[in-house]
Amino acid sequence: MNFFTIVLVFVVAWWLVLFPMLSRGVTSQCDHSEERVPGTDPGAPVNANLKGKLIRTTIIATVITLVFYFIQDLGLVDFRASTKPWDE
């Protein structure tokens, strides 16, 4: 497996993990009326904690990439396209 494939798997895994991670643990300003900032939407988050979510996303994507790499390296699954026709 070359370097480009590893980077590509990491980037795809990172984005796929980021989107579900963004909605975890977010409370809106409606839930905390005392912390409402005037002029903002009531559904806006109080504290999004983006730094922590980006760190967790990177760790999870790294684990997914390592699992993918070891599955490929050990030959448990062959991700290469077959050159043989299906009829043979």
PDB file of N, CA and C in Angstrom:
ATOM      1  N   MET A   1       0.856  -1.165   0.000  1.00  0.00           N
ATOM      2  CA  MET A   1       0.000   0.000   0.000  1.00  0.00           C
ATOM      3  C   MET A   1       0.905   1.231   0.000  1.00  0.00           C
ATOM      4  N   ASN A   2       0.649   2.122  -0.942  1.00  0.00           N
ATOM      5  CA  ASN A   2       1.518   3.283  -1.038  1.00  0.00           C
ATOM      6  C   ASN A   2       1.024   4.425  -0.136  1.00  0.00           C
ATOM      7  N   PHE A   3       1.844   5.461  -0.043  1.00  0.00           N
ATOM      8  CA  PHE A   3       1.577   6.587   0.839  1.00  0.00           C
ATOM      9  C   PHE A   3       0.296   7.315   0.440  1.00  0.00           C
ATOM     10  N   PHE A   4       0.069   7.469  -0.854  1.00  0.00           N
ATOM     11  CA  PHE A   4      -1.123   8.174  -1.331  1.00  0.00           C
ATOM     12  C   PHE A   4      -2.397   7.472  -0.879  1.00  0.00           C
ATOM     13  N   THR A   5      -2.419   6.159  -0.925  1.00  0.00           N
ATOM     14  CA  THR A   5      -3.597   5.398  -0.508  1.00  0.00           C
ATOM     15  C   THR A   5      -3.852   5.575   0.982  1.00  0.00           C
ATOM     16  N   ILE A   6      -2.807   5.559   1.775  1.00  0.00           N
ATOM     17  CA  ILE A   6      -2.955   5.740   3.219  1.00  0.00           C
ATOM     18  C   ILE A   6      -3.519   7.126   3.528  1.00  0.00           C
ATOM     19  N   VAL A   7      -2.991   8.148   2.857  1.00  0.00           N
ATOM     20  CA  VAL A   7      -3.488   9.507   3.074  1.00  0.00           C
ATOM     21  C   VAL A   7      -4.944   9.623   2.629  1.00  0.00           C
ATOM     22  N   LEU A   8      -5.274   9.021   1.514  1.00  0.00           N
ATOM     23  CA  LEU A   8      -6.643   9.064   1.006  1.00  0.00           C
ATOM     24  C   LEU A   8      -7.622   8.382   1.970  1.00  0.00           C
ATOM     25  N   VAL A   9      -7.245   7.237   2.491  1.00  0.00           N
ATOM     26  CA  VAL A   9      -8.105   6.533   3.453  1.00  0.00           C
ATOM     27  C   VAL A   9      -8.269   7.383   4.715  1.00  0.00           C
ATOM     28  N   PHE A  10      -7.194   8.016   5.176  1.00  0.00           N
ATOM     29  CA  PHE A  10      -7.276   8.857   6.370  1.00  0.00           C
ATOM     30  C   PHE A  10      -8.209  10.045   6.150  1.00  0.00           C
ATOM     31  N   VAL A  11      -8.090  10.714   5.008  1.00  0.00           N
ATOM     32  CA  VAL A  11      -8.929  11.893   4.734  1.00  0.00           C
ATOM     33  C   VAL A  11     -10.405  11.501   4.647  1.00  0.00           C
ATOM     34  N   VAL A  12     -10.695  10.425   3.954  1.00  0.00           N
ATOM     35  CA  VAL A  12     -12.089   9.982   3.844  1.00  0.00           C
ATOM     36  C   VAL A  12     -12.630   9.578   5.221  1.00  0.00           C
ATOM     37  N   ALA A  13     -11.845   8.840   5.990  1.00  0.00           N
ATOM     38  CA  ALA A  13     -12.283   8.427   7.329  1.00  0.00           C
ATOM     39  C   ALA A  13     -12.466   9.643   8.231  1.00  0.00           C
ATOM     40  N   TRP A  14     -11.581  10.624   8.114  1.00  0.00           N
ATOM     41  CA  TRP A  14     -11.667  11.820   8.956  1.00  0.00           C
ATOM     42  C   TRP A  14     -12.976  12.560   8.708  1.00  0.00           C
ATOM     43  N   TRP A  15     -13.319  12.757   7.439  1.00  0.00           N
ATOM     44  CA  TRP A  15     -14.556  13.476   7.122  1.00  0.00           C
ATOM     45  C   TRP A  15     -15.786  12.670   7.517  1.00  0.00           C
ATOM     46  N   LEU A  16     -15.743  11.358   7.329  1.00  0.00           N
ATOM     47  CA  LEU A  16     -16.890  10.530   7.692  1.00  0.00           C
ATOM     48  C   LEU A  16     -17.115  10.476   9.203  1.00  0.00           C
ATOM     49  N   VAL A  17     -16.056  10.631   9.974  1.00  0.00           N
ATOM     50  CA  VAL A  17     -16.182  10.640  11.428  1.00  0.00           C
ATOM     51  C   VAL A  17     -16.562  12.040  11.922  1.00  0.00           C
ATOM     52  N   LEU A  18     -16.109  13.078  11.232  1.00  0.00           N
ATOM     53  CA  LEU A  18     -16.358  14.448  11.689  1.00  0.00           C
ATOM     54  C   LEU A  18     -17.842  14.787  11.719  1.00  0.00           C
ATOM     55  N   PHE A  19     -18.580  14.452  10.672  1.00  0.00           N
ATOM     56  CA  PHE A  19     -19.966  14.883  10.603  1.00  0.00           C
ATOM     57  C   PHE A  19     -20.832  14.338  11.741  1.00  0.00           C
ATOM     58  N   PRO A  20     -20.772  13.060  12.093  1.00  0.00           N
ATOM     59  CA  PRO A  20     -21.550  12.630  13.265  1.00  0.00           C
ATOM     60  C   PRO A  20     -21.007  13.207  14.579  1.00  0.00           C
ATOM     61  N   MET A  21     -19.704  13.472  14.625  1.00  0.00           N
ATOM     62  CA  MET A  21     -19.094  13.990  15.847  1.00  0.00           C
ATOM     63  C   MET A  21     -19.557  15.424  16.146  1.00  0.00           C
ATOM     64  N   LEU A  22     -19.887  16.186  15.114  1.00  0.00           N
ATOM     65  CA  LEU A  22     -20.278  17.581  15.322  1.00  0.00           C
ATOM     66  C   LEU A  22     -21.559  17.732  16.132  1.00  0.00           C
ATOM     67  N   SER A  23     -22.448  16.786  16.039  1.00  0.00           N
ATOM     68  CA  SER A  23     -23.725  16.913  16.737  1.00  0.00           C
ATOM     69  C   SER A  23     -23.706  16.357  18.159  1.00  0.00           C
ATOM     70  N   ARG A  24     -22.635  15.756  18.578  1.00  0.00           N
ATOM     71  CA  ARG A  24     -22.571  15.138  19.900  1.00  0.00           C
ATOM     72  C   ARG A  24     -22.298  16.180  20.988  1.00  0.00           C
ATOM     73  N   GLY A  25     -23.128  16.163  22.024  1.00  0.00           N
ATOM     74  CA  GLY A  25     -22.904  17.004  23.194  1.00  0.00           C
ATOM     75  C   GLY A  25     -23.175  18.481  22.994  1.00  0.00           C
ATOM     76  N   VAL A  26     -23.969  18.834  21.995  1.00  0.00           N
ATOM     77  CA  VAL A  26     -24.253  20.237  21.741  1.00  0.00           C
ATOM     78  C   VAL A  26     -25.595  20.591  22.373  1.00  0.00           C
ATOM     79  N   THR A  27     -25.618  21.679  23.135  1.00  0.00           N
ATOM     80  CA  THR A  27     -26.868  22.193  23.682  1.00  0.00           C
ATOM     81  C   THR A  27     -27.126  23.569  23.084  1.00  0.00           C
ATOM     82  N   SER A  28     -28.373  23.848  22.795  1.00  0.00           N
ATOM     83  CA  SER A  28     -28.720  25.113  22.153  1.00  0.00           C
ATOM     84  C   SER A  28     -28.923  26.211  23.188  1.00  0.00           C
ATOM     85  N   GLN A  29     -29.020  27.436  22.690  1.00  0.00           N
ATOM     86  CA  GLN A  29     -29.251  28.571  23.583  1.00  0.00           C
ATOM     87  C   GLN A  29     -30.659  28.546  24.164  1.00  0.00           C
ATOM     88  N   CYS A  30     -31.585  27.842  23.502  1.00  0.00           N
ATOM     89  CA  CYS A  30     -32.940  27.700  24.062  1.00  0.00           C
ATOM     90  C   CYS A  30     -32.899  26.934  25.380  1.00  0.00           C
ATOM     91  N   ASP A  31     -31.999  25.948  25.462  1.00  0.00           N
ATOM     92  CA  ASP A  31     -31.885  25.140  26.671  1.00  0.00           C
ATOM     93  C   ASP A  31     -31.301  25.942  27.827  1.00  0.00           C
ATOM     94  N   HIS A  32     -30.497  26.936  27.506  1.00  0.00           N
ATOM     95  CA  HIS A  32     -29.838  27.772  28.522  1.00  0.00           C
ATOM     96  C   HIS A  32     -30.218  29.227  28.267  1.00  0.00           C
ATOM     97  N   SER A  33     -31.395  29.625  28.734  1.00  0.00           N
ATOM     98  CA  SER A  33     -31.894  30.970  28.430  1.00  0.00           C
ATOM     99  C   SER A  33     -31.038  32.065  29.061  1.00  0.00           C
ATOM    100  N   GLU A  34     -30.345  31.768  30.148  1.00  0.00           N
ATOM    101  CA  GLU A  34     -29.516  32.796  30.787  1.00  0.00           C
ATOM    102  C   GLU A  34     -28.245  33.093  29.987  1.00  0.00           C
ATOM    103  N   GLU A  35     -27.840  32.183  29.091  1.00  0.00           N
ATOM    104  CA  GLU A  35     -26.628  32.381  28.306  1.00  0.00           C
ATOM    105  C   GLU A  35     -26.930  32.839  26.883  1.00  0.00           C
ATOM    106  N   ARG A  36     -28.144  33.261  26.610  1.00  0.00           N
ATOM    107  CA  ARG A  36     -28.534  33.645  25.253  1.00  0.00           C
ATOM    108  C   ARG A  36     -27.870  34.958  24.871  1.00  0.00           C
ATOM    109  N   VAL A  37     -27.214  34.969  23.736  1.00  0.00           N
ATOM    110  CA  VAL A  37     -26.563  36.161  23.211  1.00  0.00           C
ATOM    111  C   VAL A  37     -27.569  36.902  22.349  1.00  0.00           C
ATOM    112  N   PRO A  38     -27.799  38.179  22.628  1.00  0.00           N
ATOM    113  CA  PRO A  38     -28.782  38.929  21.835  1.00  0.00           C
ATOM    114  C   PRO A  38     -28.379  38.996  20.363  1.00  0.00           C
ATOM    115  N   GLY A  39     -29.378  38.817  19.483  1.00  0.00           N
ATOM    116  CA  GLY A  39     -29.137  38.898  18.049  1.00  0.00           C
ATOM    117  C   GLY A  39     -28.730  37.591  17.404  1.00  0.00           C
ATOM    118  N   THR A  40     -28.675  36.505  18.173  1.00  0.00           N
ATOM    119  CA  THR A  40     -28.315  35.209  17.600  1.00  0.00           C
ATOM    120  C   THR A  40     -29.533  34.304  17.568  1.00  0.00           C
ATOM    121  N   ASP A  41     -29.436  33.263  16.778  1.00  0.00           N
ATOM    122  CA  ASP A  41     -30.518  32.297  16.664  1.00  0.00           C
ATOM    123  C   ASP A  41     -30.629  31.511  17.961  1.00  0.00           C
ATOM    124  N   PRO A  42     -31.873  31.251  18.424  1.00  0.00           N
ATOM    125  CA  PRO A  42     -32.030  30.474  19.662  1.00  0.00           C
ATOM    126  C   PRO A  42     -31.492  29.045  19.553  1.00  0.00           C
ATOM    127  N   GLY A  43     -31.392  28.511  18.337  1.00  0.00           N
ATOM    128  CA  GLY A  43     -30.886  27.158  18.166  1.00  0.00           C
ATOM    129  C   GLY A  43     -29.374  27.087  18.072  1.00  0.00           C
ATOM    130  N   ALA A  44     -28.699  28.227  18.152  1.00  0.00           N
ATOM    131  CA  ALA A  44     -27.228  28.238  18.078  1.00  0.00           C
ATOM    132  C   ALA A  44     -26.645  27.562  19.320  1.00  0.00           C
ATOM    133  N   PRO A  45     -25.536  26.841  19.145  1.00  0.00           N
ATOM    134  CA  PRO A  45     -24.960  26.140  20.297  1.00  0.00           C
ATOM    135  C   PRO A  45     -24.346  27.091  21.313  1.00  0.00           C
ATOM    136  N   VAL A  46     -24.409  26.672  22.578  1.00  0.00           N
ATOM    137  CA  VAL A  46     -23.795  27.455  23.643  1.00  0.00           C
ATOM    138  C   VAL A  46     -22.284  27.289  23.581  1.00  0.00           C
ATOM    139  N   ASN A  47     -21.828  26.047  23.556  1.00  0.00           N
ATOM    140  CA  ASN A  47     -20.399  25.757  23.466  1.00  0.00           C
ATOM    141  C   ASN A  47     -20.247  24.549  22.546  1.00  0.00           C
ATOM    142  N   ALA A  48     -19.711  24.765  21.358  1.00  0.00           N
ATOM    143  CA  ALA A  48     -19.595  23.684  20.379  1.00  0.00           C
ATOM    144  C   ALA A  48     -18.425  22.752  20.667  1.00  0.00           C
ATOM    145  N   ASN A  49     -17.412  23.206  21.410  1.00  0.00           N
ATOM    146  CA  ASN A  49     -16.231  22.409  21.750  1.00  0.00           C
ATOM    147  C   ASN A  49     -15.577  21.811  20.493  1.00  0.00           C
ATOM    148  N   LEU A  50     -15.318  22.663  19.513  1.00  0.00           N
ATOM    149  CA  LEU A  50     -14.773  22.184  18.241  1.00  0.00           C
ATOM    150  C   LEU A  50     -13.364  21.610  18.377  1.00  0.00           C
ATOM    151  N   LYS A  51     -12.542  22.196  19.231  1.00  0.00           N
ATOM    152  CA  LYS A  51     -11.166  21.705  19.373  1.00  0.00           C
ATOM    153  C   LYS A  51     -11.157  20.249  19.859  1.00  0.00           C
ATOM    154  N   GLY A  52     -11.958  19.949  20.860  1.00  0.00           N
ATOM    155  CA  GLY A  52     -12.029  18.580  21.373  1.00  0.00           C
ATOM    156  C   GLY A  52     -12.586  17.614  20.346  1.00  0.00           C
ATOM    157  N   LYS A  53     -13.582  18.072  19.581  1.00  0.00           N
ATOM    158  CA  LYS A  53     -14.176  17.210  18.564  1.00  0.00           C
ATOM    159  C   LYS A  53     -13.196  16.935  17.434  1.00  0.00           C
ATOM    160  N   LEU A  54     -12.399  17.931  17.054  1.00  0.00           N
ATOM    161  CA  LEU A  54     -11.405  17.720  16.001  1.00  0.00           C
ATOM    162  C   LEU A  54     -10.308  16.763  16.461  1.00  0.00           C
ATOM    163  N   ILE A  55      -9.929  16.855  17.715  1.00  0.00           N
ATOM    164  CA  ILE A  55      -8.911  15.938  18.250  1.00  0.00           C
ATOM    165  C   ILE A  55      -9.452  14.508  18.284  1.00  0.00           C
ATOM    166  N   ARG A  56     -10.688  14.334  18.780  1.00  0.00           N
ATOM    167  CA  ARG A  56     -11.286  12.988  18.819  1.00  0.00           C
ATOM    168  C   ARG A  56     -11.488  12.433  17.415  1.00  0.00           C
ATOM    169  N   THR A  57     -11.884  13.296  16.481  1.00  0.00           N
ATOM    170  CA  THR A  57     -12.066  12.861  15.092  1.00  0.00           C
ATOM    171  C   THR A  57     -10.755  12.371  14.512  1.00  0.00           C
ATOM    172  N   THR A  58      -9.669  13.094  14.771  1.00  0.00           N
ATOM    173  CA  THR A  58      -8.358  12.699  14.262  1.00  0.00           C
ATOM    174  C   THR A  58      -7.913  11.368  14.851  1.00  0.00           C
ATOM    175  N   ILE A  59      -8.143  11.173  16.129  1.00  0.00           N
ATOM    176  CA  ILE A  59      -7.751   9.905  16.769  1.00  0.00           C
ATOM    177  C   ILE A  59      -8.547   8.738  16.188  1.00  0.00           C
ATOM    178  N   ILE A  60      -9.862   8.901  16.052  1.00  0.00           N
ATOM    179  CA  ILE A  60     -10.700   7.826  15.516  1.00  0.00           C
ATOM    180  C   ILE A  60     -10.339   7.534  14.064  1.00  0.00           C
ATOM    181  N   ALA A  61     -10.099   8.580  13.259  1.00  0.00           N
ATOM    182  CA  ALA A  61      -9.722   8.378  11.856  1.00  0.00           C
ATOM    183  C   ALA A  61      -8.366   7.688  11.754  1.00  0.00           C
ATOM    184  N   THR A  62      -7.452   7.984  12.665  1.00  0.00           N
ATOM    185  CA  THR A  62      -6.154   7.309  12.672  1.00  0.00           C
ATOM    186  C   THR A  62      -6.320   5.825  12.969  1.00  0.00           C
ATOM    187  N   VAL A  63      -7.180   5.492  13.923  1.00  0.00           N
ATOM    188  CA  VAL A  63      -7.424   4.081  14.249  1.00  0.00           C
ATOM    189  C   VAL A  63      -8.047   3.362  13.057  1.00  0.00           C
ATOM    190  N   ILE A  64      -9.017   3.997  12.408  1.00  0.00           N
ATOM    191  CA  ILE A  64      -9.646   3.389  11.227  1.00  0.00           C
ATOM    192  C   ILE A  64      -8.620   3.172  10.126  1.00  0.00           C
ATOM    193  N   THR A  65      -7.741   4.138   9.911  1.00  0.00           N
ATOM    194  CA  THR A  65      -6.702   4.015   8.878  1.00  0.00           C
ATOM    195  C   THR A  65      -5.731   2.891   9.213  1.00  0.00           C
ATOM    196  N   LEU A  66      -5.346   2.781  10.484  1.00  0.00           N
ATOM    197  CA  LEU A  66      -4.436   1.697  10.877  1.00  0.00           C
ATOM    198  C   LEU A  66      -5.084   0.328  10.706  1.00  0.00           C
ATOM    199  N   VAL A  67      -6.362   0.220  11.052  1.00  0.00           N
ATOM    200  CA  VAL A  67      -7.073  -1.051  10.860  1.00  0.00           C
ATOM    201  C   VAL A  67      -7.124  -1.398   9.381  1.00  0.00           C
ATOM    202  N   PHE A  68      -7.454  -0.424   8.542  1.00  0.00           N
ATOM    203  CA  PHE A  68      -7.478  -0.635   7.099  1.00  0.00           C
ATOM    204  C   PHE A  68      -6.107  -1.074   6.586  1.00  0.00           C
ATOM    205  N   TYR A  69      -5.059  -0.409   7.076  1.00  0.00           N
ATOM    206  CA  TYR A  69      -3.702  -0.737   6.634  1.00  0.00           C
ATOM    207  C   TYR A  69      -3.326  -2.174   7.018  1.00  0.00           C
ATOM    208  N   PHE A  70      -3.608  -2.573   8.254  1.00  0.00           N
ATOM    209  CA  PHE A  70      -3.226  -3.912   8.690  1.00  0.00           C
ATOM    210  C   PHE A  70      -4.068  -4.999   8.025  1.00  0.00           C
ATOM    211  N   ILE A  71      -5.329  -4.701   7.746  1.00  0.00           N
ATOM    212  CA  ILE A  71      -6.149  -5.667   7.004  1.00  0.00           C
ATOM    213  C   ILE A  71      -5.565  -5.870   5.606  1.00  0.00           C
ATOM    214  N   GLN A  72      -5.178  -4.783   4.978  1.00  0.00           N
ATOM    215  CA  GLN A  72      -4.580  -4.868   3.639  1.00  0.00           C
ATOM    216  C   GLN A  72      -3.204  -5.533   3.692  1.00  0.00           C
ATOM    217  N   ASP A  73      -2.404  -5.163   4.682  1.00  0.00           N
ATOM    218  CA  ASP A  73      -1.038  -5.682   4.778  1.00  0.00           C
ATOM    219  C   ASP A  73      -1.011  -7.185   5.076  1.00  0.00           C
ATOM    220  N   LEU A  74      -1.915  -7.644   5.904  1.00  0.00           N
ATOM    221  CA  LEU A  74      -1.967  -9.072   6.235  1.00  0.00           C
ATOM    222  C   LEU A  74      -2.645  -9.896   5.149  1.00  0.00           C
ATOM    223  N   GLY A  75      -3.272  -9.242   4.193  1.00  0.00           N
ATOM    224  CA  GLY A  75      -3.910  -9.945   3.090  1.00  0.00           C
ATOM    225  C   GLY A  75      -5.234 -10.573   3.448  1.00  0.00           C
ATOM    226  N   LEU A  76      -5.871 -10.083   4.518  1.00  0.00           N
ATOM    227  CA  LEU A  76      -7.164 -10.634   4.910  1.00  0.00           C
ATOM    228  C   LEU A  76      -8.242 -10.307   3.882  1.00  0.00           C
ATOM    229  N   VAL A  77      -8.150  -9.112   3.298  1.00  0.00           N
ATOM    230  CA  VAL A  77      -9.082  -8.682   2.258  1.00  0.00           C
ATOM    231  C   VAL A  77      -8.259  -8.050   1.150  1.00  0.00           C
ATOM    232  N   ASP A  78      -8.577  -8.406  -0.077  1.00  0.00           N
ATOM    233  CA  ASP A  78      -7.871  -7.814  -1.213  1.00  0.00           C
ATOM    234  C   ASP A  78      -8.733  -6.698  -1.795  1.00  0.00           C
ATOM    235  N   PHE A  79      -8.249  -5.458  -1.677  1.00  0.00           N
ATOM    236  CA  PHE A  79      -8.996  -4.303  -2.150  1.00  0.00           C
ATOM    237  C   PHE A  79      -8.683  -3.955  -3.601  1.00  0.00           C
ATOM    238  N   ARG A  80      -7.800  -4.684  -4.216  1.00  0.00           N
ATOM    239  CA  ARG A  80      -7.450  -4.420  -5.608  1.00  0.00           C
ATOM    240  C   ARG A  80      -8.522  -4.976  -6.531  1.00  0.00           C
ATOM    241  N   ALA A  81      -8.670  -4.326  -7.669  1.00  0.00           N
ATOM    242  CA  ALA A  81      -9.649  -4.791  -8.653  1.00  0.00           C
ATOM    243  C   ALA A  81      -9.154  -6.089  -9.283  1.00  0.00           C
ATOM    244  N   SER A  82     -10.058  -6.999  -9.492  1.00  0.00           N
ATOM    245  CA  SER A  82      -9.702  -8.263 -10.100  1.00  0.00           C
ATOM    246  C   SER A  82      -9.486  -8.082 -11.603  1.00  0.00           C
ATOM    247  N   THR A  83      -8.465  -8.743 -12.124  1.00  0.00           N
ATOM    248  CA  THR A  83      -8.193  -8.651 -13.568  1.00  0.00           C
ATOM    249  C   THR A  83      -8.841  -9.794 -14.318  1.00  0.00           C
ATOM    250  N   LYS A  84      -9.427 -10.741 -13.594  1.00  0.00           N
ATOM    251  CA  LYS A  84     -10.073 -11.883 -14.241  1.00  0.00           C
ATOM    252  C   LYS A  84     -11.531 -11.553 -14.511  1.00  0.00           C
ATOM    253  N   PRO A  85     -12.033 -11.976 -15.652  1.00  0.00           N
ATOM    254  CA  PRO A  85     -13.471 -11.764 -15.910  1.00  0.00           C
ATOM    255  C   PRO A  85     -14.309 -12.646 -14.982  1.00  0.00           C
ATOM    256  N   TRP A  86     -15.516 -12.236 -14.707  1.00  0.00           N
ATOM    257  CA  TRP A  86     -16.390 -12.960 -13.807  1.00  0.00           C
ATOM    258  C   TRP A  86     -16.857 -14.288 -14.385  1.00  0.00           C
ATOM    259  N   ASP A  87     -16.815 -14.450 -15.712  1.00  0.00           N
ATOM    260  CA  ASP A  87     -17.312 -15.671 -16.343  1.00  0.00           C
ATOM    261  C   ASP A  87     -16.377 -16.850 -16.183  1.00  0.00           C
ATOM    262  N   GLU A  88     -15.132 -16.614 -15.906  1.00  0.00           N
ATOM    263  CA  GLU A  88     -14.181 -17.729 -15.833  1.00  0.00           C
ATOM    264  C   GLU A  88     -14.221 -18.444 -14.517  1.00  0.00           C
TER     265      GLU A  88
END
